[in-house]
C-alpha atoms as a PDB file:
ATOM      1  CA  MET A   1     -29.457  61.702 -34.066  1.00  0.00           C
ATOM      2  CA  GLY A   2     -25.664  59.891 -33.502  1.00  0.00           C
ATOM      3  CA  GLU A   3     -25.150  56.243 -33.161  1.00  0.00           C
ATOM      4  CA  GLY A   4     -24.399  56.556 -29.346  1.00  0.00           C
ATOM      5  CA  ASN A   5     -27.579  58.373 -28.806  1.00  0.00           C
ATOM      6  CA  ARG A   6     -29.815  56.536 -31.021  1.00  0.00           C
ATOM      7  CA  LYS A   7     -28.534  53.398 -29.050  1.00  0.00           C
ATOM      8  CA  THR A   8     -28.976  55.036 -25.248  1.00  0.00           C
ATOM      9  CA  LYS A   9     -32.262  55.903 -26.310  1.00  0.00           C
ATOM     10  CA  ARG A  10     -33.390  52.478 -27.023  1.00  0.00           C
ATOM     11  CA  LEU A  11     -31.621  51.467 -24.016  1.00  0.00           C
ATOM     12  CA  LEU A  12     -33.694  53.425 -22.022  1.00  0.00           C
ATOM     13  CA  ILE A  13     -37.071  52.012 -23.674  1.00  0.00           C
ATOM     14  CA  GLU A  14     -35.610  48.581 -22.847  1.00  0.00           C
ATOM     15  CA  GLN A  15     -34.511  49.110 -19.262  1.00  0.00           C
ATOM     16  CA  PRO A  16     -36.819  52.098 -18.128  1.00  0.00           C
ATOM     17  CA  THR A  17     -35.621  51.757 -14.428  1.00  0.00           C
ATOM     18  CA  CYS A  18     -32.215  52.206 -12.415  1.00  0.00           C
ATOM     19  CA  THR A  19     -30.249  49.593 -12.304  1.00  0.00           C
ATOM     20  CA  TYR A  20     -28.167  50.321  -9.269  1.00  0.00           C
ATOM     21  CA  CYS A  21     -30.685  51.820  -7.143  1.00  0.00           C
ATOM     22  CA  GLY A  22     -33.195  48.912  -7.287  1.00  0.00           C
ATOM     23  CA  GLY A  23     -35.342  50.311  -9.929  1.00  0.00           C
ATOM     24  CA  LEU A  24     -36.416  53.239  -8.054  1.00  0.00           C
ATOM     25  CA  GLY A  25     -35.228  55.873  -9.972  1.00  0.00           C
ATOM     26  CA  ALA A  26     -36.092  56.463 -13.579  1.00  0.00           C
ATOM     27  CA  SER A  27     -33.007  55.608 -16.152  1.00  0.00           C
ATOM     28  CA  THR A  28     -31.472  58.775 -18.073  1.00  0.00           C
ATOM     29  CA  SER A  29     -28.085  57.637 -19.233  1.00  0.00           C
ATOM     30  CA  ARG A  30     -26.670  54.560 -20.124  1.00  0.00           C
ATOM     31  CA  ASP A  31     -23.486  52.907 -18.318  1.00  0.00           C
ATOM     32  CA  HIS A  32     -20.955  50.454 -19.232  1.00  0.00           C
ATOM     33  CA  CYS A  33     -20.370  48.124 -16.594  1.00  0.00           C
ATOM     34  CA  PRO A  34     -17.256  46.863 -16.598  1.00  0.00           C
ATOM     35  CA  PRO A  35     -16.168  50.440 -18.136  1.00  0.00           C
ATOM     36  CA  THR A  36     -15.050  51.117 -21.439  1.00  0.00           C
ATOM     37  CA  SER A  37     -11.973  52.658 -19.953  1.00  0.00           C
ATOM     38  CA  MET A  38     -10.354  49.054 -18.759  1.00  0.00           C
ATOM     39  CA  PHE A  39     -10.254  47.773 -22.498  1.00  0.00           C
ATOM     40  CA  ASP A  40      -7.225  47.582 -24.477  1.00  0.00           C
ATOM     41  CA  ASP A  41      -7.306  50.315 -26.677  1.00  0.00           C
ATOM     42  CA  ARG A  42     -10.901  51.508 -25.127  1.00  0.00           C
ATOM     43  CA  TRP A  43     -12.382  48.713 -27.714  1.00  0.00           C
ATOM     44  CA  ARG A  44     -15.245  47.064 -25.838  1.00  0.00           C
ATOM     45  CA  PRO A  45     -17.596  44.338 -27.338  1.00  0.00           C
ATOM     46  CA  GLU A  46     -21.267  45.517 -27.017  1.00  0.00           C
ATOM     47  CA  GLY A  47     -23.333  44.191 -24.291  1.00  0.00           C
ATOM     48  CA  MET A  48     -23.613  44.737 -20.494  1.00  0.00           C
ATOM     49  CA  GLU A  49     -24.692  48.392 -21.073  1.00  0.00           C
ATOM     50  CA  PHE A  50     -27.335  49.569 -17.948  1.00  0.00           C
ATOM     51  CA  GLY A  51     -29.764  51.909 -17.587  1.00  0.00           C
ATOM     52  CA  ALA A  52     -29.048  54.153 -14.616  1.00  0.00           C
ATOM     53  CA  CYS A  53     -30.668  56.943 -13.037  1.00  0.00           C
ATOM     54  CA  GLU A  54     -28.042  60.523 -13.186  1.00  0.00           C
ATOM     55  CA  ALA A  55     -27.539  60.096  -9.246  1.00  0.00           C
ATOM     56  CA  CYS A  56     -26.435  56.360  -9.631  1.00  0.00           C
ATOM     57  CA  HIS A  57     -24.485  57.368 -12.903  1.00  0.00           C
ATOM     58  CA  GLN A  58     -22.648  59.969 -11.760  1.00  0.00           C
ATOM     59  CA  GLY A  59     -21.343  58.250  -8.971  1.00  0.00           C
ATOM     60  CA  THR A  60     -19.392  55.682 -11.198  1.00  0.00           C
ATOM     61  CA  ARG A  61     -17.371  58.025 -13.095  1.00  0.00           C
ATOM     62  CA  ASP A  62     -14.427  58.714 -10.871  1.00  0.00           C
ATOM     63  CA  MET A  63     -14.976  55.038 -10.084  1.00  0.00           C
ATOM     64  CA  ASP A  64     -13.994  54.417 -13.725  1.00  0.00           C
ATOM     65  CA  ALA A  65     -11.053  56.166 -13.713  1.00  0.00           C
ATOM     66  CA  VAL A  66      -9.560  53.964 -10.759  1.00  0.00           C
ATOM     67  CA  VAL A  67     -10.372  50.183 -12.008  1.00  0.00           C
ATOM     68  CA  ALA A  68      -8.730  51.714 -15.524  1.00  0.00           C
ATOM     69  CA  VAL A  69      -5.553  51.473 -13.256  1.00  0.00           C
ATOM     70  CA  VAL A  70      -5.930  48.357 -11.298  1.00  0.00           C
ATOM     71  CA  SER A  71      -7.307  46.359 -13.830  1.00  0.00           C
ATOM     72  CA  ARG A  72      -3.908  46.468 -15.636  1.00  0.00           C
ATOM     73  CA  ILE A  73      -1.630  45.881 -13.039  1.00  0.00           C
ATOM     74  CA  ARG A  74      -0.057  42.735 -13.951  1.00  0.00           C
ATOM     75  CA  GLY A  75      -2.789  41.996 -16.299  1.00  0.00           C
ATOM     76  CA  ASN A  76      -1.617  39.790 -19.740  1.00  0.00           C
ATOM     77  CA  THR A  77      -2.473  41.671 -23.037  1.00  0.00           C
ATOM     78  CA  ALA A  78      -1.908  41.474 -26.246  1.00  0.00           C
ATOM     79  CA  SER A  79      -2.099  45.268 -26.937  1.00  0.00           C
ATOM     80  CA  PRO A  80       1.188  47.071 -27.771  1.00  0.00           C
ATOM     81  CA  ASN A  81      -0.001  50.167 -26.343  1.00  0.00           C
ATOM     82  CA  PHE A  82      -0.829  48.296 -23.071  1.00  0.00           C
ATOM     83  CA  GLY A  83       1.795  50.466 -21.233  1.00  0.00           C
ATOM     84  CA  GLU A  84       1.549  53.849 -22.782  1.00  0.00           C
ATOM     85  CA  GLU A  85      -2.194  53.096 -21.664  1.00  0.00           C
ATOM     86  CA  LEU A  86      -0.842  52.033 -17.671  1.00  0.00           C
ATOM     87  CA  LYS A  87       1.095  55.324 -17.966  1.00  0.00           C
ATOM     88  CA  HIS A  88      -1.714  57.338 -18.924  1.00  0.00           C
ATOM     89  CA  HIS A  89      -4.228  55.993 -16.626  1.00  0.00           C
ATOM     90  CA  LEU A  90      -2.113  56.275 -13.976  1.00  0.00           C
ATOM     91  CA  GLY A  91      -1.302  59.862 -14.640  1.00  0.00           C
ATOM     92  CA  ALA A  92      -4.987  60.657 -14.604  1.00  0.00           C
ATOM     93  CA  LEU A  93      -4.910  58.876 -11.695  1.00  0.00           C
ATOM     94  CA  ILE A  94      -2.277  61.028  -9.736  1.00  0.00           C
ATOM     95  CA  ARG A  95      -2.881  64.074 -10.386  1.00  0.00           C
ATOM     96  CA  ARG A  96      -6.996  64.162  -9.462  1.00  0.00           C
ATOM     97  CA  ASN A  97      -7.123  61.600  -6.169  1.00  0.00           C
ATOM     98  CA  PRO A  98      -3.238  60.924  -5.601  1.00  0.00           C
ATOM     99  CA  HIS A  99      -4.705  60.158  -2.230  1.00  0.00           C
ATOM    100  CA  LEU A 100      -5.599  56.282  -3.335  1.00  0.00           C
ATOM    101  CA  LEU A 101      -2.090  55.137  -4.061  1.00  0.00           C
ATOM    102  CA  LEU A 102      -1.219  55.030   0.133  1.00  0.00           C
ATOM    103  CA  HIS A 103      -0.455  51.593   1.066  1.00  0.00           C
ATOM    104  CA  LEU A 104      -0.672  50.501  -2.920  1.00  0.00           C
ATOM    105  CA  GLU A 105       2.590  48.261  -3.150  1.00  0.00           C
ATOM    106  CA  ILE A 106       3.837  46.268  -6.643  1.00  0.00           C
ATOM    107  CA  GLU A 107       6.449  44.151  -6.311  1.00  0.00           C
ATOM    108  CA  SER A 108       9.513  44.838  -8.890  1.00  0.00           C
ATOM    109  CA  ALA A 109      10.441  40.975  -9.362  1.00  0.00           C
ATOM    110  CA  PRO A 110       8.163  40.088 -12.212  1.00  0.00           C
ATOM    111  CA  ILE A 111       6.777  36.160 -11.411  1.00  0.00           C
ATOM    112  CA  MET A 112       5.296  33.948 -13.370  1.00  0.00           C
ATOM    113  CA  TYR A 113       1.148  33.590 -13.282  1.00  0.00           C
ATOM    114  CA  ASN A 114      -1.077  31.807 -16.106  1.00  0.00           C
ATOM    115  CA  GLY A 115       2.103  31.693 -18.655  1.00  0.00           C
ATOM    116  CA  ALA A 116       3.155  35.097 -18.367  1.00  0.00           C
ATOM    117  CA  LEU A 117       5.209  37.478 -16.226  1.00  0.00           C
ATOM    118  CA  GLY A 118       3.621  40.391 -14.339  1.00  0.00           C
ATOM    119  CA  HIS A 119       3.964  41.930 -11.005  1.00  0.00           C
ATOM    120  CA  ALA A 120       2.014  41.083  -8.080  1.00  0.00           C
ATOM    121  CA  THR A 121      -0.085  43.728  -6.374  1.00  0.00           C
ATOM    122  CA  HIS A 122      -0.759  44.384  -2.748  1.00  0.00           C
ATOM    123  CA  ILE A 123      -3.035  46.958  -1.636  1.00  0.00           C
ATOM    124  CA  GLY A 124      -4.230  47.314   1.953  1.00  0.00           C
ATOM    125  CA  PRO A 125      -7.247  47.144   3.653  1.00  0.00           C
ATOM    126  CA  ASP A 126      -6.705  50.527   5.391  1.00  0.00           C
ATOM    127  CA  SER A 127      -5.766  52.128   1.917  1.00  0.00           C
ATOM    128  CA  PRO A 128      -8.661  54.472   0.617  1.00  0.00           C
ATOM    129  CA  LEU A 129      -7.880  52.334  -2.694  1.00  0.00           C
ATOM    130  CA  HIS A 130      -9.799  49.468  -0.706  1.00  0.00           C
ATOM    131  CA  ARG A 131     -13.191  51.600  -0.235  1.00  0.00           C
ATOM    132  CA  VAL A 132     -13.304  52.284  -3.711  1.00  0.00           C
ATOM    133  CA  MET A 133     -12.665  48.545  -4.922  1.00  0.00           C
ATOM    134  CA  ASP A 134     -15.000  47.461  -2.684  1.00  0.00           C
ATOM    135  CA  ALA A 135     -17.898  49.773  -3.879  1.00  0.00           C
ATOM    136  CA  PHE A 136     -16.432  48.527  -7.468  1.00  0.00           C
ATOM    137  CA  ALA A 137     -17.530  45.286  -6.648  1.00  0.00           C
ATOM    138  CA  ALA A 138     -20.903  45.573  -5.515  1.00  0.00           C
ATOM    139  CA  ARG A 139     -21.727  47.746  -8.540  1.00  0.00           C
ATOM    140  CA  VAL A 140     -20.404  45.118 -10.709  1.00  0.00           C
ATOM    141  CA  ALA A 141     -22.467  42.444  -8.570  1.00  0.00           C
ATOM    142  CA  LEU A 142     -25.712  44.727  -9.239  1.00  0.00           C
ATOM    143  CA  ALA A 143     -24.609  44.729 -13.442  1.00  0.00           C
ATOM    144  CA  ILE A 144     -24.627  41.345 -13.595  1.00  0.00           C
ATOM    145  CA  PHE A 145     -27.494  40.595 -11.550  1.00  0.00           C
ATOM    146  CA  ARG A 146     -29.515  42.533 -14.388  1.00  0.00           C
ATOM    147  CA  ALA A 147     -27.691  41.306 -17.418  1.00  0.00           C
ATOM    148  CA  THR A 148     -28.754  37.758 -16.144  1.00  0.00           C
ATOM    149  CA  GLN A 149     -32.027  38.180 -14.246  1.00  0.00           C
ATOM    150  CA  GLY A 150     -33.404  40.871 -16.551  1.00  0.00           C
ATOM    151  CA  ILE A 151     -34.669  42.709 -13.707  1.00  0.00           C
ATOM    152  CA  PRO A 152     -32.358  45.567 -11.854  1.00  0.00           C
ATOM    153  CA  ALA A 153     -32.223  43.715  -8.090  1.00  0.00           C
ATOM    154  CA  PRO A 154     -35.057  45.255  -5.832  1.00  0.00           C
ATOM    155  CA  ALA A 155     -33.917  48.202  -3.319  1.00  0.00           C
ATOM    156  CA  SER A 156     -34.667  46.104  -0.114  1.00  0.00           C
ATOM    157  CA  ALA A 157     -31.631  43.587  -1.660  1.00  0.00           C
ATOM    158  CA  ARG A 158     -28.349  42.958   0.451  1.00  0.00           C
ATOM    159  CA  ILE A 159     -25.636  43.126  -1.208  1.00  0.00           C
ATOM    160  CA  MET A 160     -21.834  41.337   0.401  1.00  0.00           C
ATOM    161  CA  CYS A 161     -19.034  41.273  -1.725  1.00  0.00           C
ATOM    162  CA  ARG A 162     -14.819  41.342  -1.206  1.00  0.00           C
ATOM    163  CA  TRP A 163     -12.388  41.141  -4.022  1.00  0.00           C
ATOM    164  CA  ASP A 164      -8.737  40.880  -4.182  1.00  0.00           C
ATOM    165  CA  THR A 165      -5.780  41.241  -5.953  1.00  0.00           C
ATOM    166  CA  ASN A 166      -4.088  38.585  -7.703  1.00  0.00           C
ATOM    167  CA  VAL A 167      -2.110  37.298  -5.264  1.00  0.00           C
ATOM    168  CA  GLY A 168      -5.101  37.004  -3.008  1.00  0.00           C
ATOM    169  CA  LEU A 169      -6.483  35.232  -5.686  1.00  0.00           C
ATOM    170  CA  ASP A 170      -3.876  32.961  -6.440  1.00  0.00           C
ATOM    171  CA  ASN A 171      -3.971  29.126  -5.181  1.00  0.00           C
ATOM    172  CA  ASP A 172      -7.843  29.686  -3.760  1.00  0.00           C
ATOM    173  CA  GLU A 173      -9.242  26.186  -3.656  1.00  0.00           C
ATOM    174  CA  ALA A 174     -12.630  27.368  -2.089  1.00  0.00           C
ATOM    175  CA  LEU A 175     -12.932  29.631  -5.037  1.00  0.00           C
ATOM    176  CA  GLU A 176     -11.951  27.084  -7.474  1.00  0.00           C
ATOM    177  CA  GLU A 177     -14.982  25.107  -6.220  1.00  0.00           C
ATOM    178  CA  PHE A 178     -17.119  28.031  -6.219  1.00  0.00           C
ATOM    179  CA  LEU A 179     -16.758  28.468 -10.046  1.00  0.00           C
ATOM    180  CA  GLN A 180     -16.548  25.159 -11.271  1.00  0.00           C
ATOM    181  CA  ALA A 181     -20.412  24.837  -9.087  1.00  0.00           C
ATOM    182  CA  MET A 182     -21.624  28.029 -11.599  1.00  0.00           C
ATOM    183  CA  GLY A 183     -20.080  26.131 -14.954  1.00  0.00           C
ATOM    184  CA  LEU A 184     -18.803  28.141 -17.701  1.00  0.00           C
ATOM    185  CA  PRO A 185     -17.535  31.803 -17.737  1.00  0.00           C
ATOM    186  CA  ARG A 186     -19.197  34.686 -19.819  1.00  0.00           C
ATOM    187  CA  THR A 187     -17.575  37.796 -21.691  1.00  0.00           C
ATOM    188  CA  LEU A 188     -18.362  40.169 -24.379  1.00  0.00           C
ATOM    189  CA  VAL A 189     -18.022  38.931 -27.801  1.00  0.00           C
ATOM    190  CA  GLN A 190     -18.844  40.746 -31.058  1.00  0.00           C
ATOM    191  CA  GLY A 191     -18.705  38.462 -34.042  1.00  0.00           C
ATOM    192  CA  ARG A 192     -15.275  36.076 -33.868  1.00  0.00           C
ATOM    193  CA  LYS A 193     -13.563  38.321 -31.386  1.00  0.00           C
ATOM    194  CA  HIS A 194     -13.774  38.724 -27.469  1.00  0.00           C
ATOM    195  CA  VAL A 195     -12.256  39.908 -24.479  1.00  0.00           C
ATOM    196  CA  ALA A 196     -12.175  36.704 -22.469  1.00  0.00           C
ATOM    197  CA  GLU A 197      -8.392  37.458 -21.023  1.00  0.00           C
ATOM    198  CA  GLN A 198      -9.386  41.101 -20.118  1.00  0.00           C
ATOM    199  CA  PHE A 199     -12.897  40.164 -18.359  1.00  0.00           C
ATOM    200  CA  ARG A 200     -14.625  36.727 -17.894  1.00  0.00           C
ATOM    201  CA  PHE A 201     -17.741  36.226 -15.184  1.00  0.00           C
ATOM    202  CA  TRP A 202     -19.465  33.591 -13.454  1.00  0.00           C
ATOM    203  CA  SER A 203     -22.842  33.702 -11.801  1.00  0.00           C
ATOM    204  CA  ALA A 204     -25.678  31.501 -10.791  1.00  0.00           C
ATOM    205  CA  THR A 205     -28.735  31.279  -8.485  1.00  0.00           C
ATOM    206  CA  ALA A 206     -28.620  29.387  -5.394  1.00  0.00           C
ATOM    207  CA  ALA A 207     -30.470  25.741  -5.700  1.00  0.00           C
ATOM    208  CA  ASP A 208     -30.847  25.355  -2.347  1.00  0.00           C
ATOM    209  CA  GLU A 209     -31.657  29.244  -1.365  1.00  0.00           C
ATOM    210  CA  PRO A 210     -34.161  30.521  -3.100  1.00  0.00           C
ATOM    211  CA  GLY A 211     -33.512  34.863  -3.217  1.00  0.00           C
ATOM    212  CA  LEU A 212     -29.751  34.051  -3.452  1.00  0.00           C
ATOM    213  CA  PHE A 213     -27.250  34.999  -6.291  1.00  0.00           C
ATOM    214  CA  GLY A 214     -23.701  34.368  -6.302  1.00  0.00           C
ATOM    215  CA  CYS A 215     -21.628  36.157  -9.200  1.00  0.00           C
ATOM    216  CA  PHE A 216     -17.386  36.097  -9.803  1.00  0.00           C
ATOM    217  CA  ALA A 217     -15.744  38.212 -12.156  1.00  0.00           C
ATOM    218  CA  ALA A 218     -12.230  38.453 -13.140  1.00  0.00           C
ATOM    219  CA  PHE A 219     -10.346  41.437 -14.434  1.00  0.00           C
ATOM    220  CA  ARG A 220      -7.298  40.206 -16.954  1.00  0.00           C
ATOM    221  CA  ASP A 221      -5.498  38.548 -14.209  1.00  0.00           C
ATOM    222  CA  ALA A 222      -4.745  41.341 -12.133  1.00  0.00           C
ATOM    223  CA  PHE A 223      -8.220  41.287  -9.924  1.00  0.00           C
ATOM    224  CA  GLY A 224     -11.724  39.664  -9.418  1.00  0.00           C
ATOM    225  CA  VAL A 225     -14.081  40.205  -7.382  1.00  0.00           C
ATOM    226  CA  ILE A 226     -16.994  37.326  -5.595  1.00  0.00           C
ATOM    227  CA  ALA A 227     -20.590  38.993  -4.786  1.00  0.00           C
ATOM    228  CA  PHE A 228     -23.660  37.340  -3.715  1.00  0.00           C
ATOM    229  CA  ILE A 229     -27.110  39.540  -3.737  1.00  0.00           C
ATOM    230  CA  ASP A 230     -29.804  38.283  -0.998  1.00  0.00           C
ATOM    231  CA  THR A 231     -32.898  38.859  -2.683  1.00  0.00           C
ATOM    232  CA  LYS A 232     -35.174  37.678   0.189  1.00  0.00           C
ATOM    233  CA  GLU A 233     -38.090  39.642   1.596  1.00  0.00           C
ATOM    234  CA  THR A 234     -37.504  37.975   5.213  1.00  0.00           C
ATOM    235  CA  GLU A 235     -34.981  36.672   7.367  1.00  0.00           C
ATOM    236  CA  PRO A 236     -32.174  38.112   5.714  1.00  0.00           C
ATOM    237  CA  LEU A 237     -29.009  35.862   5.039  1.00  0.00           C
ATOM    238  CA  PHE A 238     -26.221  38.128   5.897  1.00  0.00           C
ATOM    239  CA  GLU A 239     -25.912  41.657   7.136  1.00  0.00           C
ATOM    240  CA  PRO A 240     -25.132  43.897   3.849  1.00  0.00           C
ATOM    241  CA  MET A 241     -22.572  45.545   2.761  1.00  0.00           C
ATOM    242  CA  TYR A 242     -24.444  47.206   0.680  1.00  0.00           C
ATOM    243  CA  GLN A 243     -27.480  48.036  -0.977  1.00  0.00           C
ATOM    244  CA  PRO A 244     -28.934  49.199  -3.707  1.00  0.00           C
ATOM    245  CA  GLY A 245     -28.830  52.951  -4.016  1.00  0.00           C
ATOM    246  CA  PHE A 246     -25.049  53.381  -2.276  1.00  0.00           C
ATOM    247  CA  LEU A 247     -24.083  55.050  -5.666  1.00  0.00           C
ATOM    248  CA  GLN A 248     -26.218  58.105  -5.001  1.00  0.00           C
ATOM    249  CA  ASP A 249     -24.078  59.196  -2.479  1.00  0.00           C
ATOM    250  CA  PHE A 250     -20.407  57.879  -3.363  1.00  0.00           C
ATOM    251  CA  ALA A 251     -17.824  59.841  -4.380  1.00  0.00           C
ATOM    252  CA  VAL A 252     -13.606  58.977  -4.378  1.00  0.00           C
END
């Protein structure tokens, strides 16, 4: 048995029920969230691997190819292969799902952001890409919930989320206050190495609203997602955009 198979077997013992359908399905595979394709040279520290049923895991696969591109637009990186990786992932997306690039605009003139030059990105609300990114935001929320709470969000949970490109996140004072209230961010770490410049997240449960979980995740300087999961059994706090299980019939 290879190392990958041993890790999967161990994870399925630790997480016997699916992260993405409210624990209703049995975990049959190991899902990486964020996916390995989002990281420079595909080097991803261990951590944030999740048990998933086959139907939910299938719903994540084309999504991974999409976020591999979006996370690299205007993303700061020290990798010498960054440009080639962007071309590779963008070429794959064009071949498989060219319709997703409708209403995607990248400003040609670079601008300074967080101490580095990059290109501002705009994705129109009518773009098919917007729907994929909404679903990815909900998936990230369920993953962070399980990573921090130790259990999958229940099938009855309600998810409200939004995401924004680098342009929308700039100078967002409300977001800054939200992050300060949640404390220090976390990332994936292996030994002395980490990927904080590529992925970091904040999370907290509301002290004054039992059953409400909030999180924010940033992917390079390209985009970020903010999400809330309401696990209250009565008196829902909001109308859900998604509920666990949505990945089972998801297609790009």
